[in-house]
N, C-alpha and C. Protein backbone atom coordinates (compact mmCIF):
# COMPACT_ATOMS: atom_id res chain seq x y z
N MET A 1 -68.30 -54.40 -64.18
CA MET A 1 -67.62 -55.61 -63.71
C MET A 1 -67.27 -56.47 -64.91
N SER A 2 -66.10 -57.06 -64.90
CA SER A 2 -65.62 -57.88 -66.01
C SER A 2 -66.41 -59.17 -66.15
N GLN A 3 -66.67 -59.53 -67.40
CA GLN A 3 -67.31 -60.80 -67.72
C GLN A 3 -66.21 -61.85 -67.91
N ILE A 4 -66.30 -62.95 -67.15
CA ILE A 4 -65.28 -64.00 -67.22
C ILE A 4 -65.86 -65.19 -67.99
N VAL A 5 -65.11 -65.62 -68.99
CA VAL A 5 -65.52 -66.73 -69.84
C VAL A 5 -64.53 -67.87 -69.65
N TYR A 6 -65.08 -69.08 -69.57
CA TYR A 6 -64.26 -70.29 -69.44
C TYR A 6 -64.55 -71.18 -70.64
N VAL A 7 -63.51 -71.59 -71.32
CA VAL A 7 -63.65 -72.54 -72.43
C VAL A 7 -62.88 -73.80 -72.06
N SER A 8 -63.51 -74.92 -72.33
CA SER A 8 -62.99 -76.20 -71.89
C SER A 8 -62.70 -77.10 -73.08
N GLY A 9 -61.57 -77.84 -73.01
CA GLY A 9 -61.31 -78.78 -74.09
C GLY A 9 -60.05 -79.60 -73.88
N THR A 10 -59.92 -80.61 -74.71
CA THR A 10 -58.71 -81.44 -74.72
C THR A 10 -57.65 -80.77 -75.58
N PHE A 11 -58.06 -80.21 -76.71
CA PHE A 11 -57.19 -79.52 -77.64
C PHE A 11 -56.06 -80.41 -78.16
N ASP A 12 -56.44 -81.67 -78.48
CA ASP A 12 -55.49 -82.62 -79.04
C ASP A 12 -55.35 -82.36 -80.53
N LEU A 13 -54.16 -82.54 -81.05
CA LEU A 13 -53.89 -82.26 -82.47
C LEU A 13 -54.53 -80.92 -82.84
N PHE A 14 -54.07 -79.87 -82.20
CA PHE A 14 -54.67 -78.54 -82.30
C PHE A 14 -54.95 -78.17 -83.75
N HIS A 15 -56.18 -77.73 -84.01
CA HIS A 15 -56.61 -77.42 -85.37
C HIS A 15 -57.48 -76.17 -85.39
N SER A 16 -57.91 -75.79 -86.58
CA SER A 16 -58.62 -74.51 -86.76
C SER A 16 -59.94 -74.44 -85.99
N ASN A 17 -60.65 -75.54 -85.81
CA ASN A 17 -61.90 -75.48 -85.03
C ASN A 17 -61.62 -75.18 -83.56
N HIS A 18 -60.50 -75.67 -83.04
CA HIS A 18 -60.11 -75.31 -81.66
C HIS A 18 -59.90 -73.80 -81.59
N LEU A 19 -59.15 -73.27 -82.55
CA LEU A 19 -58.86 -71.84 -82.56
C LEU A 19 -60.14 -71.01 -82.69
N LYS A 20 -61.05 -71.45 -83.55
CA LYS A 20 -62.32 -70.74 -83.73
C LYS A 20 -63.12 -70.72 -82.42
N MET A 21 -63.15 -71.85 -81.70
CA MET A 21 -63.90 -71.92 -80.46
C MET A 21 -63.28 -71.00 -79.40
N ILE A 22 -61.97 -71.00 -79.30
CA ILE A 22 -61.30 -70.14 -78.32
C ILE A 22 -61.52 -68.67 -78.66
N ASN A 23 -61.41 -68.32 -79.93
CA ASN A 23 -61.63 -66.93 -80.33
C ASN A 23 -63.09 -66.51 -80.13
N TYR A 24 -64.02 -67.43 -80.39
CA TYR A 24 -65.43 -67.16 -80.14
C TYR A 24 -65.64 -66.87 -78.65
N ALA A 25 -65.06 -67.72 -77.80
CA ALA A 25 -65.19 -67.55 -76.36
C ALA A 25 -64.62 -66.20 -75.91
N LYS A 26 -63.50 -65.81 -76.48
CA LYS A 26 -62.88 -64.52 -76.14
C LYS A 26 -63.85 -63.37 -76.42
N GLY A 27 -64.61 -63.49 -77.48
CA GLY A 27 -65.56 -62.44 -77.85
C GLY A 27 -66.76 -62.33 -76.94
N LEU A 28 -66.95 -63.31 -76.06
CA LEU A 28 -68.11 -63.30 -75.17
C LEU A 28 -67.89 -62.52 -73.87
N GLY A 29 -66.65 -62.12 -73.61
CA GLY A 29 -66.40 -61.45 -72.33
C GLY A 29 -65.12 -60.65 -72.32
N ASP A 30 -64.69 -60.33 -71.11
CA ASP A 30 -63.49 -59.52 -70.93
C ASP A 30 -62.27 -60.35 -70.58
N ILE A 31 -62.47 -61.42 -69.85
CA ILE A 31 -61.37 -62.29 -69.42
C ILE A 31 -61.67 -63.70 -69.89
N LEU A 32 -60.69 -64.30 -70.58
CA LEU A 32 -60.86 -65.67 -71.07
C LEU A 32 -59.93 -66.61 -70.32
N ILE A 33 -60.53 -67.60 -69.69
CA ILE A 33 -59.78 -68.68 -69.04
C ILE A 33 -60.01 -69.94 -69.86
N VAL A 34 -58.92 -70.60 -70.24
CA VAL A 34 -59.02 -71.84 -71.01
C VAL A 34 -58.57 -72.99 -70.12
N GLY A 35 -59.44 -73.98 -69.98
CA GLY A 35 -59.11 -75.19 -69.23
C GLY A 35 -58.72 -76.28 -70.21
N VAL A 36 -57.50 -76.80 -70.06
CA VAL A 36 -57.00 -77.87 -70.92
C VAL A 36 -57.05 -79.17 -70.12
N SER A 37 -57.78 -80.14 -70.65
CA SER A 37 -57.94 -81.43 -69.95
C SER A 37 -56.61 -82.16 -69.81
N THR A 38 -56.35 -82.65 -68.60
CA THR A 38 -55.13 -83.42 -68.37
C THR A 38 -55.24 -84.78 -69.06
N ASP A 39 -54.10 -85.43 -69.25
CA ASP A 39 -54.10 -86.77 -69.85
C ASP A 39 -54.94 -87.73 -69.03
N GLU A 40 -54.82 -87.64 -67.69
CA GLU A 40 -55.57 -88.54 -66.80
C GLU A 40 -57.07 -88.34 -66.98
N LEU A 41 -57.49 -87.09 -67.09
CA LEU A 41 -58.91 -86.82 -67.28
C LEU A 41 -59.39 -87.40 -68.61
N VAL A 42 -58.67 -87.12 -69.68
CA VAL A 42 -59.08 -87.60 -71.00
C VAL A 42 -59.17 -89.13 -71.00
N CYS A 43 -58.18 -89.79 -70.42
CA CYS A 43 -58.16 -91.26 -70.39
C CYS A 43 -59.30 -91.85 -69.57
N SER A 44 -59.96 -91.03 -68.76
CA SER A 44 -61.08 -91.53 -67.95
C SER A 44 -62.35 -91.72 -68.78
N TYR A 45 -62.40 -91.15 -70.00
CA TYR A 45 -63.61 -91.29 -70.80
C TYR A 45 -63.38 -91.59 -72.28
N LYS A 46 -62.10 -91.56 -72.73
CA LYS A 46 -61.82 -91.93 -74.12
C LYS A 46 -60.34 -92.28 -74.25
N ASN A 47 -59.93 -92.61 -75.46
CA ASN A 47 -58.54 -92.98 -75.71
C ASN A 47 -57.60 -91.82 -75.37
N PRO A 48 -56.35 -92.16 -75.02
CA PRO A 48 -55.40 -91.10 -74.66
C PRO A 48 -55.18 -90.12 -75.81
N PRO A 49 -54.90 -88.87 -75.48
CA PRO A 49 -54.61 -87.90 -76.53
C PRO A 49 -53.31 -88.26 -77.24
N ALA A 50 -53.19 -87.86 -78.49
CA ALA A 50 -51.96 -88.11 -79.26
C ALA A 50 -50.84 -87.19 -78.78
N VAL A 51 -51.22 -85.98 -78.37
CA VAL A 51 -50.25 -84.98 -77.92
C VAL A 51 -50.30 -84.92 -76.40
N PRO A 52 -49.15 -85.07 -75.71
CA PRO A 52 -49.15 -85.04 -74.24
C PRO A 52 -49.64 -83.70 -73.67
N PHE A 53 -50.18 -83.77 -72.46
CA PHE A 53 -50.75 -82.59 -71.79
C PHE A 53 -49.81 -81.40 -71.80
N GLU A 54 -48.55 -81.60 -71.44
CA GLU A 54 -47.59 -80.49 -71.33
C GLU A 54 -47.47 -79.74 -72.65
N GLU A 55 -47.53 -80.46 -73.75
CA GLU A 55 -47.44 -79.82 -75.07
C GLU A 55 -48.76 -79.14 -75.44
N ARG A 56 -49.89 -79.80 -75.12
CA ARG A 56 -51.19 -79.21 -75.44
C ARG A 56 -51.40 -77.91 -74.68
N ILE A 57 -51.03 -77.88 -73.41
CA ILE A 57 -51.24 -76.65 -72.63
C ILE A 57 -50.27 -75.55 -73.10
N ALA A 58 -49.06 -75.93 -73.50
CA ALA A 58 -48.10 -74.95 -74.02
C ALA A 58 -48.61 -74.31 -75.32
N ILE A 59 -49.23 -75.12 -76.18
CA ILE A 59 -49.79 -74.60 -77.43
C ILE A 59 -50.88 -73.58 -77.13
N VAL A 60 -51.78 -73.91 -76.22
CA VAL A 60 -52.88 -72.99 -75.89
C VAL A 60 -52.34 -71.73 -75.21
N GLU A 61 -51.33 -71.88 -74.36
CA GLU A 61 -50.72 -70.70 -73.71
C GLU A 61 -50.09 -69.76 -74.73
N GLY A 62 -49.66 -70.30 -75.86
CA GLY A 62 -49.03 -69.49 -76.89
C GLY A 62 -49.99 -68.69 -77.75
N LEU A 63 -51.28 -68.90 -77.58
CA LEU A 63 -52.27 -68.17 -78.36
C LEU A 63 -52.50 -66.77 -77.79
N ALA A 64 -52.99 -65.89 -78.64
CA ALA A 64 -53.24 -64.51 -78.22
C ALA A 64 -54.49 -64.37 -77.36
N ALA A 65 -55.52 -65.18 -77.61
CA ALA A 65 -56.82 -64.96 -76.97
C ALA A 65 -56.87 -65.24 -75.46
N PRO A 66 -56.29 -66.35 -74.97
CA PRO A 66 -56.46 -66.64 -73.54
C PRO A 66 -55.74 -65.64 -72.63
N ASP A 67 -56.43 -65.28 -71.54
CA ASP A 67 -55.78 -64.48 -70.51
C ASP A 67 -55.12 -65.39 -69.49
N VAL A 68 -55.73 -66.54 -69.26
CA VAL A 68 -55.23 -67.53 -68.31
C VAL A 68 -55.49 -68.91 -68.89
N VAL A 69 -54.52 -69.81 -68.74
CA VAL A 69 -54.69 -71.20 -69.17
C VAL A 69 -54.40 -72.08 -67.96
N ILE A 70 -55.33 -72.99 -67.67
CA ILE A 70 -55.19 -73.84 -66.48
C ILE A 70 -55.42 -75.30 -66.83
N PRO A 71 -54.84 -76.20 -66.03
CA PRO A 71 -55.15 -77.62 -66.21
C PRO A 71 -56.58 -77.88 -65.77
N GLN A 72 -57.22 -78.79 -66.48
CA GLN A 72 -58.58 -79.19 -66.12
C GLN A 72 -58.53 -80.65 -65.68
N HIS A 73 -58.92 -80.90 -64.43
CA HIS A 73 -58.79 -82.23 -63.84
C HIS A 73 -60.11 -83.00 -63.75
N THR A 74 -61.21 -82.34 -64.06
CA THR A 74 -62.52 -82.97 -63.89
C THR A 74 -63.48 -82.50 -64.97
N LEU A 75 -64.48 -83.34 -65.24
CA LEU A 75 -65.54 -82.95 -66.17
C LEU A 75 -66.68 -82.24 -65.45
N GLU A 76 -66.66 -82.24 -64.13
CA GLU A 76 -67.66 -81.58 -63.31
C GLU A 76 -67.15 -80.16 -63.04
N HIS A 77 -67.86 -79.17 -63.54
CA HIS A 77 -67.33 -77.81 -63.53
C HIS A 77 -67.96 -76.87 -62.51
N ARG A 78 -68.81 -77.37 -61.63
CA ARG A 78 -69.40 -76.48 -60.62
C ARG A 78 -68.32 -75.79 -59.78
N GLY A 79 -67.36 -76.56 -59.32
CA GLY A 79 -66.30 -76.00 -58.48
C GLY A 79 -65.50 -74.93 -59.21
N THR A 80 -65.13 -75.21 -60.46
CA THR A 80 -64.36 -74.24 -61.26
C THR A 80 -65.16 -72.97 -61.48
N VAL A 81 -66.42 -73.12 -61.84
CA VAL A 81 -67.30 -71.99 -62.09
C VAL A 81 -67.43 -71.12 -60.84
N ASN A 82 -67.59 -71.72 -59.68
CA ASN A 82 -67.76 -70.96 -58.44
C ASN A 82 -66.45 -70.34 -57.96
N LYS A 83 -65.35 -71.10 -58.02
CA LYS A 83 -64.06 -70.57 -57.57
C LYS A 83 -63.58 -69.41 -58.42
N LEU A 84 -63.83 -69.48 -59.73
CA LEU A 84 -63.30 -68.47 -60.65
C LEU A 84 -64.34 -67.43 -61.07
N ASN A 85 -65.54 -67.51 -60.49
CA ASN A 85 -66.61 -66.55 -60.80
C ASN A 85 -66.90 -66.47 -62.30
N ILE A 86 -67.04 -67.63 -62.91
CA ILE A 86 -67.28 -67.72 -64.35
C ILE A 86 -68.70 -67.25 -64.68
N ASP A 87 -68.79 -66.40 -65.71
CA ASP A 87 -70.09 -65.91 -66.18
C ASP A 87 -70.60 -66.73 -67.36
N SER A 88 -69.67 -67.19 -68.22
CA SER A 88 -70.03 -67.94 -69.41
C SER A 88 -69.11 -69.13 -69.57
N PHE A 89 -69.67 -70.23 -70.04
CA PHE A 89 -68.94 -71.49 -70.22
C PHE A 89 -69.11 -71.92 -71.68
N VAL A 90 -68.00 -72.23 -72.35
CA VAL A 90 -68.03 -72.61 -73.76
C VAL A 90 -67.37 -73.98 -73.92
N ILE A 91 -68.02 -74.83 -74.71
CA ILE A 91 -67.49 -76.16 -75.01
C ILE A 91 -68.03 -76.58 -76.38
N GLY A 92 -67.36 -77.52 -77.01
CA GLY A 92 -67.80 -77.99 -78.32
C GLY A 92 -69.18 -78.63 -78.28
N ASP A 93 -69.89 -78.54 -79.40
CA ASP A 93 -71.27 -79.03 -79.43
C ASP A 93 -71.37 -80.55 -79.40
N ASP A 94 -70.24 -81.25 -79.41
CA ASP A 94 -70.30 -82.71 -79.21
C ASP A 94 -70.67 -83.03 -77.76
N TRP A 95 -70.67 -82.04 -76.89
CA TRP A 95 -71.05 -82.18 -75.48
C TRP A 95 -72.45 -81.58 -75.23
N GLU A 96 -73.18 -81.32 -76.29
CA GLU A 96 -74.50 -80.68 -76.21
C GLU A 96 -75.35 -81.25 -75.06
N GLY A 97 -75.82 -80.35 -74.20
CA GLY A 97 -76.71 -80.71 -73.10
C GLY A 97 -76.00 -81.16 -71.83
N LYS A 98 -74.76 -81.57 -71.91
CA LYS A 98 -74.04 -82.14 -70.75
C LYS A 98 -73.75 -81.11 -69.66
N TYR A 99 -73.68 -79.85 -70.04
CA TYR A 99 -73.32 -78.82 -69.06
C TYR A 99 -74.46 -77.85 -68.78
N ASP A 100 -75.67 -78.25 -69.12
CA ASP A 100 -76.83 -77.40 -68.83
C ASP A 100 -77.00 -77.17 -67.33
N TYR A 101 -76.49 -78.08 -66.49
CA TYR A 101 -76.59 -77.92 -65.04
C TYR A 101 -75.90 -76.65 -64.55
N LEU A 102 -74.95 -76.12 -65.35
CA LEU A 102 -74.27 -74.89 -64.95
C LEU A 102 -75.19 -73.67 -65.01
N LYS A 103 -76.25 -73.78 -65.78
CA LYS A 103 -77.23 -72.69 -65.86
C LYS A 103 -77.86 -72.44 -64.50
N GLU A 104 -77.96 -73.51 -63.69
CA GLU A 104 -78.50 -73.38 -62.32
C GLU A 104 -77.58 -72.53 -61.44
N GLU A 105 -76.30 -72.43 -61.84
CA GLU A 105 -75.32 -71.62 -61.11
C GLU A 105 -75.30 -70.18 -61.65
N GLY A 106 -76.18 -69.88 -62.60
CA GLY A 106 -76.23 -68.54 -63.18
C GLY A 106 -75.23 -68.34 -64.31
N VAL A 107 -74.72 -69.43 -64.86
CA VAL A 107 -73.72 -69.36 -65.92
C VAL A 107 -74.41 -69.54 -67.28
N LYS A 108 -74.02 -68.71 -68.24
CA LYS A 108 -74.49 -68.89 -69.61
C LYS A 108 -73.65 -70.00 -70.23
N VAL A 109 -74.30 -70.98 -70.84
CA VAL A 109 -73.60 -72.12 -71.44
C VAL A 109 -73.75 -72.05 -72.96
N PHE A 110 -72.60 -72.12 -73.64
CA PHE A 110 -72.57 -72.07 -75.10
C PHE A 110 -71.93 -73.35 -75.63
N TYR A 111 -72.63 -74.01 -76.53
CA TYR A 111 -72.10 -75.21 -77.19
C TYR A 111 -71.64 -74.79 -78.58
N PHE A 112 -70.35 -74.66 -78.74
CA PHE A 112 -69.79 -74.16 -79.99
C PHE A 112 -69.96 -75.18 -81.11
N PRO A 113 -70.59 -74.79 -82.22
CA PRO A 113 -70.81 -75.73 -83.32
C PRO A 113 -69.53 -75.97 -84.12
N TYR A 114 -68.98 -77.16 -83.95
CA TYR A 114 -67.80 -77.54 -84.72
C TYR A 114 -68.14 -77.65 -86.20
N GLY A 115 -69.35 -78.12 -86.47
CA GLY A 115 -69.74 -78.31 -87.85
C GLY A 115 -69.00 -79.49 -88.48
N VAL A 116 -69.08 -79.55 -89.77
CA VAL A 116 -68.45 -80.64 -90.51
C VAL A 116 -66.99 -80.29 -90.74
N GLY A 117 -66.16 -81.30 -90.78
CA GLY A 117 -64.77 -81.04 -91.13
C GLY A 117 -63.80 -81.47 -90.07
N THR A 118 -62.91 -80.58 -89.75
CA THR A 118 -61.78 -80.91 -88.91
C THR A 118 -62.19 -81.19 -87.47
N SER A 119 -61.69 -82.29 -86.96
CA SER A 119 -61.77 -82.62 -85.54
C SER A 119 -60.56 -83.48 -85.25
N SER A 120 -60.16 -83.55 -84.00
CA SER A 120 -59.01 -84.39 -83.65
C SER A 120 -59.28 -85.84 -84.00
N THR A 121 -60.52 -86.29 -83.77
CA THR A 121 -60.88 -87.67 -84.08
C THR A 121 -60.75 -87.92 -85.59
N ASN A 122 -61.25 -86.99 -86.40
CA ASN A 122 -61.15 -87.15 -87.85
C ASN A 122 -59.69 -87.10 -88.31
N LEU A 123 -58.90 -86.23 -87.70
CA LEU A 123 -57.47 -86.15 -88.05
C LEU A 123 -56.77 -87.47 -87.73
N LYS A 124 -57.07 -88.05 -86.57
CA LYS A 124 -56.45 -89.32 -86.19
C LYS A 124 -56.84 -90.42 -87.17
N LYS A 125 -58.11 -90.45 -87.56
CA LYS A 125 -58.57 -91.46 -88.53
C LYS A 125 -57.85 -91.29 -89.87
N LYS A 126 -57.73 -90.05 -90.32
CA LYS A 126 -57.07 -89.79 -91.60
C LYS A 126 -55.60 -90.20 -91.54
N ILE A 127 -54.91 -89.86 -90.47
CA ILE A 127 -53.51 -90.23 -90.30
C ILE A 127 -53.37 -91.75 -90.29
N TYR A 128 -54.26 -92.42 -89.57
CA TYR A 128 -54.23 -93.88 -89.47
C TYR A 128 -54.45 -94.52 -90.85
N GLU A 129 -55.45 -94.03 -91.57
CA GLU A 129 -55.74 -94.58 -92.90
C GLU A 129 -54.57 -94.37 -93.86
N GLN A 130 -53.96 -93.18 -93.81
CA GLN A 130 -52.81 -92.92 -94.66
C GLN A 130 -51.63 -93.82 -94.28
N TYR A 131 -51.44 -94.05 -93.00
CA TYR A 131 -50.36 -94.92 -92.53
C TYR A 131 -50.60 -96.36 -93.00
N ARG A 132 -51.84 -96.83 -92.85
CA ARG A 132 -52.17 -98.20 -93.31
C ARG A 132 -51.91 -98.36 -94.80
N ALA A 133 -52.27 -97.35 -95.59
CA ALA A 133 -52.04 -97.41 -97.04
C ALA A 133 -50.55 -97.45 -97.35
N LEU A 134 -49.78 -96.68 -96.60
CA LEU A 134 -48.33 -96.68 -96.78
C LEU A 134 -47.72 -98.05 -96.46
N ILE A 135 -48.15 -98.64 -95.35
CA ILE A 135 -47.67 -99.97 -94.96
C ILE A 135 -48.06 -101.00 -96.00
N LYS A 136 -49.29 -100.94 -96.45
CA LYS A 136 -49.76 -101.89 -97.46
C LYS A 136 -48.92 -101.76 -98.73
N GLN A 137 -48.66 -100.54 -99.13
CA GLN A 137 -47.87 -100.29 -100.33
C GLN A 137 -46.45 -100.83 -100.18
N SER A 138 -45.88 -100.66 -99.01
CA SER A 138 -44.51 -101.14 -98.81
C SER A 138 -44.43 -102.65 -98.64
N ASP A 139 -45.52 -103.26 -98.16
CA ASP A 139 -45.54 -104.72 -97.96
C ASP A 139 -45.95 -105.49 -99.21
N GLU A 140 -46.72 -104.87 -100.08
CA GLU A 140 -47.21 -105.55 -101.27
C GLU A 140 -46.41 -105.10 -102.49
N HIS A 141 -45.38 -105.82 -102.77
CA HIS A 141 -44.53 -105.51 -103.92
C HIS A 141 -44.02 -106.83 -104.50
N PRO A 142 -43.63 -106.82 -105.76
CA PRO A 142 -43.10 -108.07 -106.34
C PRO A 142 -41.78 -108.43 -105.68
N ILE A 143 -41.58 -109.73 -105.52
CA ILE A 143 -40.33 -110.20 -104.95
C ILE A 143 -39.30 -110.26 -106.07
N PRO A 144 -38.18 -109.57 -105.91
CA PRO A 144 -37.18 -109.55 -106.98
C PRO A 144 -36.53 -110.92 -107.18
N ASP A 145 -36.14 -111.16 -108.39
CA ASP A 145 -35.42 -112.38 -108.73
C ASP A 145 -33.95 -112.15 -108.41
N PRO A 146 -33.38 -112.92 -107.46
CA PRO A 146 -31.98 -112.68 -107.06
C PRO A 146 -30.97 -112.90 -108.18
N GLU A 147 -31.35 -113.65 -109.21
CA GLU A 147 -30.42 -113.90 -110.31
C GLU A 147 -30.61 -112.87 -111.41
N GLY A 148 -31.56 -111.98 -111.25
CA GLY A 148 -31.77 -110.93 -112.23
C GLY A 148 -32.52 -111.37 -113.45
N LYS A 149 -33.04 -112.59 -113.47
CA LYS A 149 -33.81 -113.07 -114.63
C LYS A 149 -35.22 -112.50 -114.57
N GLY A 150 -35.72 -112.18 -115.68
CA GLY A 150 -37.07 -111.66 -115.77
C GLY A 150 -37.17 -110.18 -115.46
N ASN A 151 -36.07 -109.53 -115.16
CA ASN A 151 -36.09 -108.10 -114.86
C ASN A 151 -35.59 -107.30 -116.06
N GLU A 152 -35.58 -107.91 -117.20
CA GLU A 152 -35.00 -107.24 -118.36
C GLU A 152 -36.01 -106.42 -119.10
């Protein structure tokens, strides 16, 4: 019987750790289902994603690993696990412990270690800091002398 794996995420500003987690999940079974959180779901617990849902799900659908990609409308996964006969559930380790309740449903739960480095949150911070530096640089400049004096 096929082992069905479900991996869950927002997948905002898609980066290499997202890809590593999806590929890791693919290696745990025969069929990989990826749930991409809708904008409404993400906004229920944190700031809106930078990339709209339609684009995020299209990016994940374009990957080789997923067999099926579906919208994810809730953080409560009992229904999804039971409807889709999920054997294993994978999510980033920033959610450590939050999905242990799925073990009661007979599901193996894996918290993928993102480790240090790339995350959507870190990417957003870096982009913001670079943007602020650019604005500061463009706003802080000497005011030219309209008569051309002192520019010699």
